[in-house]
Amino acid sequence: MEAFRYRLGRYPGYFWGAWIGGRL
């Protein structure tokens, strides 16, 4: 989770999700 926080905090334009019906 720490690595995910780091990646989202430093590179938000490179942390993407795909959602279907409100589910990641």
mmCIF file of all heavy atoms, coordinates in Angstrom:
data_MODEL
# 
_entry.id   MODEL 
# 
loop_
_atom_site.group_PDB 
_atom_site.id 
_atom_site.type_symbol 
_atom_site.label_atom_id 
_atom_site.label_alt_id 
_atom_site.label_comp_id 
_atom_site.label_asym_id 
_atom_site.label_entity_id 
_atom_site.label_seq_id 
_atom_site.pdbx_PDB_ins_code 
_atom_site.Cartn_x 
_atom_site.Cartn_y 
_atom_site.Cartn_z 
_atom_site.occupancy 
_atom_site.B_iso_or_equiv 
_atom_site.pdbx_formal_charge 
_atom_site.auth_seq_id 
_atom_site.auth_comp_id 
_atom_site.auth_asym_id 
_atom_site.auth_atom_id 
_atom_site.pdbx_PDB_model_num 
ATOM 1   N N   . MET A 1 1  ? 0.842   -1.196 0.000   1.00 0.00 ? 1  MET A N   1 
ATOM 2   C CA  . MET A 1 1  ? 0.000   0.000  0.000   1.00 0.00 ? 1  MET A CA  1 
ATOM 3   C C   . MET A 1 1  ? 0.878   1.248  0.000   1.00 0.00 ? 1  MET A C   1 
ATOM 4   O O   . MET A 1 1  ? 0.560   2.234  -0.665  1.00 0.00 ? 1  MET A O   1 
ATOM 5   C CB  . MET A 1 1  ? -0.954  0.000  1.195   1.00 0.00 ? 1  MET A CB  1 
ATOM 6   C CG  . MET A 1 1  ? -1.809  1.247  1.252   1.00 0.00 ? 1  MET A CG  1 
ATOM 7   S SD  . MET A 1 1  ? -2.894  1.465  -0.180  1.00 0.00 ? 1  MET A SD  1 
ATOM 8   C CE  . MET A 1 1  ? -4.367  0.699  0.443   1.00 0.00 ? 1  MET A CE  1 
ATOM 9   N N   . GLU A 1 2  ? 1.993   1.193  0.708   1.00 0.00 ? 2  GLU A N   1 
ATOM 10  C CA  . GLU A 1 2  ? 2.930   2.323  0.723   1.00 0.00 ? 2  GLU A CA  1 
ATOM 11  C C   . GLU A 1 2  ? 3.438   2.622  -0.688  1.00 0.00 ? 2  GLU A C   1 
ATOM 12  O O   . GLU A 1 2  ? 3.527   3.786  -1.102  1.00 0.00 ? 2  GLU A O   1 
ATOM 13  C CB  . GLU A 1 2  ? 4.114   2.024  1.647   1.00 0.00 ? 2  GLU A CB  1 
ATOM 14  C CG  . GLU A 1 2  ? 5.156   3.122  1.682   1.00 0.00 ? 2  GLU A CG  1 
ATOM 15  C CD  . GLU A 1 2  ? 6.368   2.769  2.527   1.00 0.00 ? 2  GLU A CD  1 
ATOM 16  O OE1 . GLU A 1 2  ? 6.343   1.764  3.265   1.00 0.00 ? 2  GLU A OE1 1 
ATOM 17  O OE2 . GLU A 1 2  ? 7.354   3.514  2.434   1.00 0.00 ? 2  GLU A OE2 1 
ATOM 18  N N   . ALA A 1 3  ? 3.753   1.572  -1.453  1.00 0.00 ? 3  ALA A N   1 
ATOM 19  C CA  . ALA A 1 3  ? 4.209   1.763  -2.839  1.00 0.00 ? 3  ALA A CA  1 
ATOM 20  C C   . ALA A 1 3  ? 3.104   2.382  -3.685  1.00 0.00 ? 3  ALA A C   1 
ATOM 21  O O   . ALA A 1 3  ? 3.365   3.265  -4.504  1.00 0.00 ? 3  ALA A O   1 
ATOM 22  C CB  . ALA A 1 3  ? 4.659   0.429  -3.432  1.00 0.00 ? 3  ALA A CB  1 
ATOM 23  N N   . PHE A 1 4  ? 1.857   1.942  -3.477  1.00 0.00 ? 4  PHE A N   1 
ATOM 24  C CA  . PHE A 1 4  ? 0.743   2.528  -4.218  1.00 0.00 ? 4  PHE A CA  1 
ATOM 25  C C   . PHE A 1 4  ? 0.571   4.005  -3.872  1.00 0.00 ? 4  PHE A C   1 
ATOM 26  O O   . PHE A 1 4  ? 0.323   4.824  -4.753  1.00 0.00 ? 4  PHE A O   1 
ATOM 27  C CB  . PHE A 1 4  ? -0.545  1.752  -3.935  1.00 0.00 ? 4  PHE A CB  1 
ATOM 28  C CG  . PHE A 1 4  ? -0.823  0.658  -4.932  1.00 0.00 ? 4  PHE A CG  1 
ATOM 29  C CD1 . PHE A 1 4  ? 0.195   -0.016 -5.573  1.00 0.00 ? 4  PHE A CD1 1 
ATOM 30  C CD2 . PHE A 1 4  ? -2.113  0.313  -5.231  1.00 0.00 ? 4  PHE A CD2 1 
ATOM 31  C CE1 . PHE A 1 4  ? -0.067  -1.020 -6.490  1.00 0.00 ? 4  PHE A CE1 1 
ATOM 32  C CE2 . PHE A 1 4  ? -2.397  -0.685 -6.147  1.00 0.00 ? 4  PHE A CE2 1 
ATOM 33  C CZ  . PHE A 1 4  ? -1.368  -1.351 -6.780  1.00 0.00 ? 4  PHE A CZ  1 
ATOM 34  N N   . ARG A 1 5  ? 0.685   4.350  -2.604  1.00 0.00 ? 5  ARG A N   1 
ATOM 35  C CA  . ARG A 1 5  ? 0.574   5.763  -2.205  1.00 0.00 ? 5  ARG A CA  1 
ATOM 36  C C   . ARG A 1 5  ? 1.676   6.593  -2.870  1.00 0.00 ? 5  ARG A C   1 
ATOM 37  O O   . ARG A 1 5  ? 1.427   7.698  -3.348  1.00 0.00 ? 5  ARG A O   1 
ATOM 38  C CB  . ARG A 1 5  ? 0.650   5.895  -0.688  1.00 0.00 ? 5  ARG A CB  1 
ATOM 39  C CG  . ARG A 1 5  ? -0.609  5.506  0.018   1.00 0.00 ? 5  ARG A CG  1 
ATOM 40  C CD  . ARG A 1 5  ? -0.551  5.861  1.522   1.00 0.00 ? 5  ARG A CD  1 
ATOM 41  N NE  . ARG A 1 5  ? -1.628  5.211  2.210   1.00 0.00 ? 5  ARG A NE  1 
ATOM 42  C CZ  . ARG A 1 5  ? -1.505  4.155  3.011   1.00 0.00 ? 5  ARG A CZ  1 
ATOM 43  N NH1 . ARG A 1 5  ? -0.311  3.652  3.258   1.00 0.00 ? 5  ARG A NH1 1 
ATOM 44  N NH2 . ARG A 1 5  ? -2.559  3.616  3.576   1.00 0.00 ? 5  ARG A NH2 1 
ATOM 45  N N   . TYR A 1 6  ? 2.882   6.053  -2.864  1.00 0.00 ? 6  TYR A N   1 
ATOM 46  C CA  . TYR A 1 6  ? 4.014   6.741  -3.491  1.00 0.00 ? 6  TYR A CA  1 
ATOM 47  C C   . TYR A 1 6  ? 3.745   6.962  -4.982  1.00 0.00 ? 6  TYR A C   1 
ATOM 48  O O   . TYR A 1 6  ? 3.895   8.070  -5.498  1.00 0.00 ? 6  TYR A O   1 
ATOM 49  C CB  . TYR A 1 6  ? 5.300   5.929  -3.296  1.00 0.00 ? 6  TYR A CB  1 
ATOM 50  C CG  . TYR A 1 6  ? 6.487   6.516  -4.021  1.00 0.00 ? 6  TYR A CG  1 
ATOM 51  C CD1 . TYR A 1 6  ? 7.224   7.538  -3.443  1.00 0.00 ? 6  TYR A CD1 1 
ATOM 52  C CD2 . TYR A 1 6  ? 6.863   6.066  -5.281  1.00 0.00 ? 6  TYR A CD2 1 
ATOM 53  C CE1 . TYR A 1 6  ? 8.317   8.089  -4.105  1.00 0.00 ? 6  TYR A CE1 1 
ATOM 54  C CE2 . TYR A 1 6  ? 7.936   6.611  -5.951  1.00 0.00 ? 6  TYR A CE2 1 
ATOM 55  C CZ  . TYR A 1 6  ? 8.654   7.623  -5.360  1.00 0.00 ? 6  TYR A CZ  1 
ATOM 56  O OH  . TYR A 1 6  ? 9.723   8.177  -6.018  1.00 0.00 ? 6  TYR A OH  1 
ATOM 57  N N   . ARG A 1 7  ? 3.336   5.910  -5.691  1.00 0.00 ? 7  ARG A N   1 
ATOM 58  C CA  . ARG A 1 7  ? 3.104   6.009  -7.136  1.00 0.00 ? 7  ARG A CA  1 
ATOM 59  C C   . ARG A 1 7  ? 1.992   6.999  -7.456  1.00 0.00 ? 7  ARG A C   1 
ATOM 60  O O   . ARG A 1 7  ? 2.133   7.809  -8.374  1.00 0.00 ? 7  ARG A O   1 
ATOM 61  C CB  . ARG A 1 7  ? 2.760   4.632  -7.711  1.00 0.00 ? 7  ARG A CB  1 
ATOM 62  C CG  . ARG A 1 7  ? 3.897   3.635  -7.607  1.00 0.00 ? 7  ARG A CG  1 
ATOM 63  C CD  . ARG A 1 7  ? 3.470   2.259  -8.046  1.00 0.00 ? 7  ARG A CD  1 
ATOM 64  N NE  . ARG A 1 7  ? 4.386   1.243  -7.573  1.00 0.00 ? 7  ARG A NE  1 
ATOM 65  C CZ  . ARG A 1 7  ? 4.180   -0.059 -7.707  1.00 0.00 ? 7  ARG A CZ  1 
ATOM 66  N NH1 . ARG A 1 7  ? 3.090   -0.504 -8.318  1.00 0.00 ? 7  ARG A NH1 1 
ATOM 67  N NH2 . ARG A 1 7  ? 5.053   -0.912 -7.250  1.00 0.00 ? 7  ARG A NH2 1 
ATOM 68  N N   . LEU A 1 8  ? 0.895   6.939  -6.726  1.00 0.00 ? 8  LEU A N   1 
ATOM 69  C CA  . LEU A 1 8  ? -0.201  7.874  -6.978  1.00 0.00 ? 8  LEU A CA  1 
ATOM 70  C C   . LEU A 1 8  ? 0.208   9.298  -6.634  1.00 0.00 ? 8  LEU A C   1 
ATOM 71  O O   . LEU A 1 8  ? -0.098  10.236 -7.370  1.00 0.00 ? 8  LEU A O   1 
ATOM 72  C CB  . LEU A 1 8  ? -1.451  7.482  -6.185  1.00 0.00 ? 8  LEU A CB  1 
ATOM 73  C CG  . LEU A 1 8  ? -2.664  8.398  -6.393  1.00 0.00 ? 8  LEU A CG  1 
ATOM 74  C CD1 . LEU A 1 8  ? -3.128  8.385  -7.843  1.00 0.00 ? 8  LEU A CD1 1 
ATOM 75  C CD2 . LEU A 1 8  ? -3.799  7.991  -5.462  1.00 0.00 ? 8  LEU A CD2 1 
ATOM 76  N N   . GLY A 1 9  ? 0.929   9.483  -5.537  1.00 0.00 ? 9  GLY A N   1 
ATOM 77  C CA  . GLY A 1 9  ? 1.356   10.818 -5.117  1.00 0.00 ? 9  GLY A CA  1 
ATOM 78  C C   . GLY A 1 9  ? 2.359   11.451 -6.058  1.00 0.00 ? 9  GLY A C   1 
ATOM 79  O O   . GLY A 1 9  ? 2.297   12.649 -6.335  1.00 0.00 ? 9  GLY A O   1 
ATOM 80  N N   . ARG A 1 10 ? 3.307   10.652 -6.588  1.00 0.00 ? 10 ARG A N   1 
ATOM 81  C CA  . ARG A 1 10 ? 4.358   11.183 -7.456  1.00 0.00 ? 10 ARG A CA  1 
ATOM 82  C C   . ARG A 1 10 ? 3.962   11.196 -8.935  1.00 0.00 ? 10 ARG A C   1 
ATOM 83  O O   . ARG A 1 10 ? 4.418   12.037 -9.687  1.00 0.00 ? 10 ARG A O   1 
ATOM 84  C CB  . ARG A 1 10 ? 5.646   10.363 -7.317  1.00 0.00 ? 10 ARG A CB  1 
ATOM 85  C CG  . ARG A 1 10 ? 6.273   10.356 -5.939  1.00 0.00 ? 10 ARG A CG  1 
ATOM 86  C CD  . ARG A 1 10 ? 6.714   11.746 -5.494  1.00 0.00 ? 10 ARG A CD  1 
ATOM 87  N NE  . ARG A 1 10 ? 7.572   11.734 -4.326  1.00 0.00 ? 10 ARG A NE  1 
ATOM 88  C CZ  . ARG A 1 10 ? 7.166   11.555 -3.084  1.00 0.00 ? 10 ARG A CZ  1 
ATOM 89  N NH1 . ARG A 1 10 ? 5.908   11.317 -2.820  1.00 0.00 ? 10 ARG A NH1 1 
ATOM 90  N NH2 . ARG A 1 10 ? 8.026   11.605 -2.080  1.00 0.00 ? 10 ARG A NH2 1 
ATOM 91  N N   . TYR A 1 11 ? 3.145   10.243 -9.340  1.00 0.00 ? 11 TYR A N   1 
ATOM 92  C CA  . TYR A 1 11 ? 2.822   10.073 -10.758 1.00 0.00 ? 11 TYR A CA  1 
ATOM 93  C C   . TYR A 1 11 ? 1.321   9.884  -10.966 1.00 0.00 ? 11 TYR A C   1 
ATOM 94  O O   . TYR A 1 11 ? 0.887   8.869  -11.526 1.00 0.00 ? 11 TYR A O   1 
ATOM 95  C CB  . TYR A 1 11 ? 3.591   8.873  -11.332 1.00 0.00 ? 11 TYR A CB  1 
ATOM 96  C CG  . TYR A 1 11 ? 5.051   8.896  -10.981 1.00 0.00 ? 11 TYR A CG  1 
ATOM 97  C CD1 . TYR A 1 11 ? 5.562   8.071  -9.980  1.00 0.00 ? 11 TYR A CD1 1 
ATOM 98  C CD2 . TYR A 1 11 ? 5.927   9.765  -11.621 1.00 0.00 ? 11 TYR A CD2 1 
ATOM 99  C CE1 . TYR A 1 11 ? 6.905   8.102  -9.641  1.00 0.00 ? 11 TYR A CE1 1 
ATOM 100 C CE2 . TYR A 1 11 ? 7.261   9.812  -11.286 1.00 0.00 ? 11 TYR A CE2 1 
ATOM 101 C CZ  . TYR A 1 11 ? 7.752   8.976  -10.288 1.00 0.00 ? 11 TYR A CZ  1 
ATOM 102 O OH  . TYR A 1 11 ? 9.079   9.013  -9.955  1.00 0.00 ? 11 TYR A OH  1 
ATOM 103 N N   . PRO A 1 12 ? 0.519   10.860 -10.563 1.00 0.00 ? 12 PRO A N   1 
ATOM 104 C CA  . PRO A 1 12 ? -0.938  10.683 -10.664 1.00 0.00 ? 12 PRO A CA  1 
ATOM 105 C C   . PRO A 1 12 ? -1.428  10.503 -12.102 1.00 0.00 ? 12 PRO A C   1 
ATOM 106 O O   . PRO A 1 12 ? -2.435  9.833  -12.328 1.00 0.00 ? 12 PRO A O   1 
ATOM 107 C CB  . PRO A 1 12 ? -1.504  11.955 -10.033 1.00 0.00 ? 12 PRO A CB  1 
ATOM 108 C CG  . PRO A 1 12 ? -0.396  12.962 -10.135 1.00 0.00 ? 12 PRO A CG  1 
ATOM 109 C CD  . PRO A 1 12 ? 0.878   12.168 -10.025 1.00 0.00 ? 12 PRO A CD  1 
ATOM 110 N N   . GLY A 1 13 ? -0.718  11.044 -13.066 1.00 0.00 ? 13 GLY A N   1 
ATOM 111 C CA  . GLY A 1 13 ? -1.098  10.890 -14.464 1.00 0.00 ? 13 GLY A CA  1 
ATOM 112 C C   . GLY A 1 13 ? -0.743  9.530  -15.042 1.00 0.00 ? 13 GLY A C   1 
ATOM 113 O O   . GLY A 1 13 ? -0.996  9.264  -16.211 1.00 0.00 ? 13 GLY A O   1 
ATOM 114 N N   . TYR A 1 14 ? -0.152  8.684  -14.206 1.00 0.00 ? 14 TYR A N   1 
ATOM 115 C CA  . TYR A 1 14 ? 0.248   7.343  -14.616 1.00 0.00 ? 14 TYR A CA  1 
ATOM 116 C C   . TYR A 1 14 ? -0.339  6.276  -13.698 1.00 0.00 ? 14 TYR A C   1 
ATOM 117 O O   . TYR A 1 14 ? 0.186   5.182  -13.586 1.00 0.00 ? 14 TYR A O   1 
ATOM 118 C CB  . TYR A 1 14 ? 1.772   7.221  -14.613 1.00 0.00 ? 14 TYR A CB  1 
ATOM 119 C CG  . TYR A 1 14 ? 2.425   8.074  -15.665 1.00 0.00 ? 14 TYR A CG  1 
ATOM 120 C CD1 . TYR A 1 14 ? 2.845   9.366  -15.376 1.00 0.00 ? 14 TYR A CD1 1 
ATOM 121 C CD2 . TYR A 1 14 ? 2.627   7.582  -16.944 1.00 0.00 ? 14 TYR A CD2 1 
ATOM 122 C CE1 . TYR A 1 14 ? 3.447   10.151 -16.347 1.00 0.00 ? 14 TYR A CE1 1 
ATOM 123 C CE2 . TYR A 1 14 ? 3.235   8.361  -17.921 1.00 0.00 ? 14 TYR A CE2 1 
ATOM 124 C CZ  . TYR A 1 14 ? 3.640   9.647  -17.611 1.00 0.00 ? 14 TYR A CZ  1 
ATOM 125 O OH  . TYR A 1 14 ? 4.232   10.407 -18.568 1.00 0.00 ? 14 TYR A OH  1 
ATOM 126 N N   . PHE A 1 15 ? -1.423  6.603  -13.021 1.00 0.00 ? 15 PHE A N   1 
ATOM 127 C CA  . PHE A 1 15 ? -2.094  5.631  -12.157 1.00 0.00 ? 15 PHE A CA  1 
ATOM 128 C C   . PHE A 1 15 ? -3.547  5.607  -12.608 1.00 0.00 ? 15 PHE A C   1 
ATOM 129 O O   . PHE A 1 15 ? -4.336  6.470  -12.263 1.00 0.00 ? 15 PHE A O   1 
ATOM 130 C CB  . PHE A 1 15 ? -1.987  6.047  -10.691 1.00 0.00 ? 15 PHE A CB  1 
ATOM 131 C CG  . PHE A 1 15 ? -2.159  4.914  -9.707  1.00 0.00 ? 15 PHE A CG  1 
ATOM 132 C CD1 . PHE A 1 15 ? -1.194  4.677  -8.747  1.00 0.00 ? 15 PHE A CD1 1 
ATOM 133 C CD2 . PHE A 1 15 ? -3.274  4.097  -9.729  1.00 0.00 ? 15 PHE A CD2 1 
ATOM 134 C CE1 . PHE A 1 15 ? -1.336  3.648  -7.833  1.00 0.00 ? 15 PHE A CE1 1 
ATOM 135 C CE2 . PHE A 1 15 ? -3.435  3.073  -8.825  1.00 0.00 ? 15 PHE A CE2 1 
ATOM 136 C CZ  . PHE A 1 15 ? -2.462  2.838  -7.870  1.00 0.00 ? 15 PHE A CZ  1 
ATOM 137 N N   . TRP A 1 16 ? -3.882  4.617  -13.429 1.00 0.00 ? 16 TRP A N   1 
ATOM 138 C CA  . TRP A 1 16 ? -5.185  4.562  -14.074 1.00 0.00 ? 16 TRP A CA  1 
ATOM 139 C C   . TRP A 1 16 ? -5.983  3.357  -13.606 1.00 0.00 ? 16 TRP A C   1 
ATOM 140 O O   . TRP A 1 16 ? -5.424  2.313  -13.291 1.00 0.00 ? 16 TRP A O   1 
ATOM 141 C CB  . TRP A 1 16 ? -5.011  4.489  -15.591 1.00 0.00 ? 16 TRP A CB  1 
ATOM 142 C CG  . TRP A 1 16 ? -4.455  5.748  -16.158 1.00 0.00 ? 16 TRP A CG  1 
ATOM 143 C CD1 . TRP A 1 16 ? -3.141  6.052  -16.369 1.00 0.00 ? 16 TRP A CD1 1 
ATOM 144 C CD2 . TRP A 1 16 ? -5.194  6.906  -16.546 1.00 0.00 ? 16 TRP A CD2 1 
ATOM 145 N NE1 . TRP A 1 16 ? -3.025  7.317  -16.883 1.00 0.00 ? 16 TRP A NE1 1 
ATOM 146 C CE2 . TRP A 1 16 ? -4.269  7.858  -17.005 1.00 0.00 ? 16 TRP A CE2 1 
ATOM 147 C CE3 . TRP A 1 16 ? -6.544  7.210  -16.575 1.00 0.00 ? 16 TRP A CE3 1 
ATOM 148 C CZ2 . TRP A 1 16 ? -4.659  9.104  -17.474 1.00 0.00 ? 16 TRP A CZ2 1 
ATOM 149 C CZ3 . TRP A 1 16 ? -6.930  8.450  -17.042 1.00 0.00 ? 16 TRP A CZ3 1 
ATOM 150 C CH2 . TRP A 1 16 ? -5.992  9.379  -17.488 1.00 0.00 ? 16 TRP A CH2 1 
ATOM 151 N N   . GLY A 1 17 ? -7.291  3.523  -13.603 1.00 0.00 ? 17 GLY A N   1 
ATOM 152 C CA  . GLY A 1 17 ? -8.187  2.429  -13.272 1.00 0.00 ? 17 GLY A CA  1 
ATOM 153 C C   . GLY A 1 17 ? -9.268  2.287  -14.326 1.00 0.00 ? 17 GLY A C   1 
ATOM 154 O O   . GLY A 1 17 ? -9.615  3.242  -15.010 1.00 0.00 ? 17 GLY A O   1 
ATOM 155 N N   . ALA A 1 18 ? -9.780  1.071  -14.455 1.00 0.00 ? 18 ALA A N   1 
ATOM 156 C CA  . ALA A 1 18 ? -10.915 0.793  -15.343 1.00 0.00 ? 18 ALA A CA  1 
ATOM 157 C C   . ALA A 1 18 ? -12.072 0.350  -14.451 1.00 0.00 ? 18 ALA A C   1 
ATOM 158 O O   . ALA A 1 18 ? -11.904 -0.500 -13.573 1.00 0.00 ? 18 ALA A O   1 
ATOM 159 C CB  . ALA A 1 18 ? -10.565 -0.298 -16.340 1.00 0.00 ? 18 ALA A CB  1 
ATOM 160 N N   . TRP A 1 19 ? -13.228 0.948  -14.687 1.00 0.00 ? 19 TRP A N   1 
ATOM 161 C CA  . TRP A 1 19 ? -14.403 0.690  -13.860 1.00 0.00 ? 19 TRP A CA  1 
ATOM 162 C C   . TRP A 1 19 ? -15.531 0.157  -14.723 1.00 0.00 ? 19 TRP A C   1 
ATOM 163 O O   . TRP A 1 19 ? -15.756 0.643  -15.826 1.00 0.00 ? 19 TRP A O   1 
ATOM 164 C CB  . TRP A 1 19 ? -14.867 1.991  -13.193 1.00 0.00 ? 19 TRP A CB  1 
ATOM 165 C CG  . TRP A 1 19 ? -13.819 2.627  -12.342 1.00 0.00 ? 19 TRP A CG  1 
ATOM 166 C CD1 . TRP A 1 19 ? -12.785 3.412  -12.761 1.00 0.00 ? 19 TRP A CD1 1 
ATOM 167 C CD2 . TRP A 1 19 ? -13.687 2.531  -10.931 1.00 0.00 ? 19 TRP A CD2 1 
ATOM 168 N NE1 . TRP A 1 19 ? -12.024 3.810  -11.692 1.00 0.00 ? 19 TRP A NE1 1 
ATOM 169 C CE2 . TRP A 1 19 ? -12.553 3.283  -10.555 1.00 0.00 ? 19 TRP A CE2 1 
ATOM 170 C CE3 . TRP A 1 19 ? -14.435 1.878  -9.942  1.00 0.00 ? 19 TRP A CE3 1 
ATOM 171 C CZ2 . TRP A 1 19 ? -12.148 3.394  -9.230  1.00 0.00 ? 19 TRP A CZ2 1 
ATOM 172 C CZ3 . TRP A 1 19 ? -14.018 2.001  -8.617  1.00 0.00 ? 19 TRP A CZ3 1 
ATOM 173 C CH2 . TRP A 1 19 ? -12.884 2.748  -8.284  1.00 0.00 ? 19 TRP A CH2 1 
ATOM 174 N N   . ILE A 1 20 ? -16.242 -0.823 -14.219 1.00 0.00 ? 20 ILE A N   1 
ATOM 175 C CA  . ILE A 1 20 ? -17.456 -1.323 -14.866 1.00 0.00 ? 20 ILE A CA  1 
ATOM 176 C C   . ILE A 1 20 ? -18.543 -1.357 -13.798 1.00 0.00 ? 20 ILE A C   1 
ATOM 177 O O   . ILE A 1 20 ? -18.390 -2.025 -12.769 1.00 0.00 ? 20 ILE A O   1 
ATOM 178 C CB  . ILE A 1 20 ? -17.258 -2.730 -15.461 1.00 0.00 ? 20 ILE A CB  1 
ATOM 179 C CG1 . ILE A 1 20 ? -16.222 -2.686 -16.590 1.00 0.00 ? 20 ILE A CG1 1 
ATOM 180 C CG2 . ILE A 1 20 ? -18.596 -3.280 -15.966 1.00 0.00 ? 20 ILE A CG2 1 
ATOM 181 C CD1 . ILE A 1 20 ? -15.907 -4.041 -17.199 1.00 0.00 ? 20 ILE A CD1 1 
ATOM 182 N N   . GLY A 1 21 ? -19.616 -0.622 -14.043 1.00 0.00 ? 21 GLY A N   1 
ATOM 183 C CA  . GLY A 1 21 ? -20.721 -0.597 -13.090 1.00 0.00 ? 21 GLY A CA  1 
ATOM 184 C C   . GLY A 1 21 ? -20.316 -0.179 -11.698 1.00 0.00 ? 21 GLY A C   1 
ATOM 185 O O   . GLY A 1 21 ? -20.815 -0.733 -10.722 1.00 0.00 ? 21 GLY A O   1 
ATOM 186 N N   . GLY A 1 22 ? -19.395 0.754  -11.591 1.00 0.00 ? 22 GLY A N   1 
ATOM 187 C CA  . GLY A 1 22 ? -18.951 1.229  -10.282 1.00 0.00 ? 22 GLY A CA  1 
ATOM 188 C C   . GLY A 1 22 ? -17.951 0.324  -9.589  1.00 0.00 ? 22 GLY A C   1 
ATOM 189 O O   . GLY A 1 22 ? -17.559 0.581  -8.449  1.00 0.00 ? 22 GLY A O   1 
ATOM 190 N N   . ARG A 1 23 ? -17.504 -0.729 -10.258 1.00 0.00 ? 23 ARG A N   1 
ATOM 191 C CA  . ARG A 1 23 ? -16.540 -1.669 -9.676  1.00 0.00 ? 23 ARG A CA  1 
ATOM 192 C C   . ARG A 1 23 ? -15.208 -1.535 -10.402 1.00 0.00 ? 23 ARG A C   1 
ATOM 193 O O   . ARG A 1 23 ? -15.154 -1.550 -11.639 1.00 0.00 ? 23 ARG A O   1 
ATOM 194 C CB  . ARG A 1 23 ? -17.064 -3.092 -9.793  1.00 0.00 ? 23 ARG A CB  1 
ATOM 195 C CG  . ARG A 1 23 ? -16.181 -4.138 -9.132  1.00 0.00 ? 23 ARG A CG  1 
ATOM 196 C CD  . ARG A 1 23 ? -16.854 -5.511 -9.118  1.00 0.00 ? 23 ARG A CD  1 
ATOM 197 N NE  . ARG A 1 23 ? -16.909 -6.124 -10.416 1.00 0.00 ? 23 ARG A NE  1 
ATOM 198 C CZ  . ARG A 1 23 ? -15.990 -6.990 -10.890 1.00 0.00 ? 23 ARG A CZ  1 
ATOM 199 N NH1 . ARG A 1 23 ? -14.954 -7.316 -10.156 1.00 0.00 ? 23 ARG A NH1 1 
ATOM 200 N NH2 . ARG A 1 23 ? -16.132 -7.503 -12.089 1.00 0.00 ? 23 ARG A NH2 1 
ATOM 201 N N   . LEU A 1 24 ? -14.141 -1.402 -9.632  1.00 0.00 ? 24 LEU A N   1 
ATOM 202 C CA  . LEU A 1 24 ? -12.803 -1.328 -10.206 1.00 0.00 ? 24 LEU A CA  1 
ATOM 203 C C   . LEU A 1 24 ? -12.413 -2.706 -10.725 1.00 0.00 ? 24 LEU A C   1 
ATOM 204 O O   . LEU A 1 24 ? -12.366 -3.670 -9.960  1.00 0.00 ? 24 LEU A O   1 
ATOM 205 C CB  . LEU A 1 24 ? -11.793 -0.855 -9.151  1.00 0.00 ? 24 LEU A CB  1 
ATOM 206 C CG  . LEU A 1 24 ? -10.354 -0.671 -9.626  1.00 0.00 ? 24 LEU A CG  1 
ATOM 207 C CD1 . LEU A 1 24 ? -10.261 0.450  -10.654 1.00 0.00 ? 24 LEU A CD1 1 
ATOM 208 C CD2 . LEU A 1 24 ? -9.445  -0.367 -8.433  1.00 0.00 ? 24 LEU A CD2 1 
# 
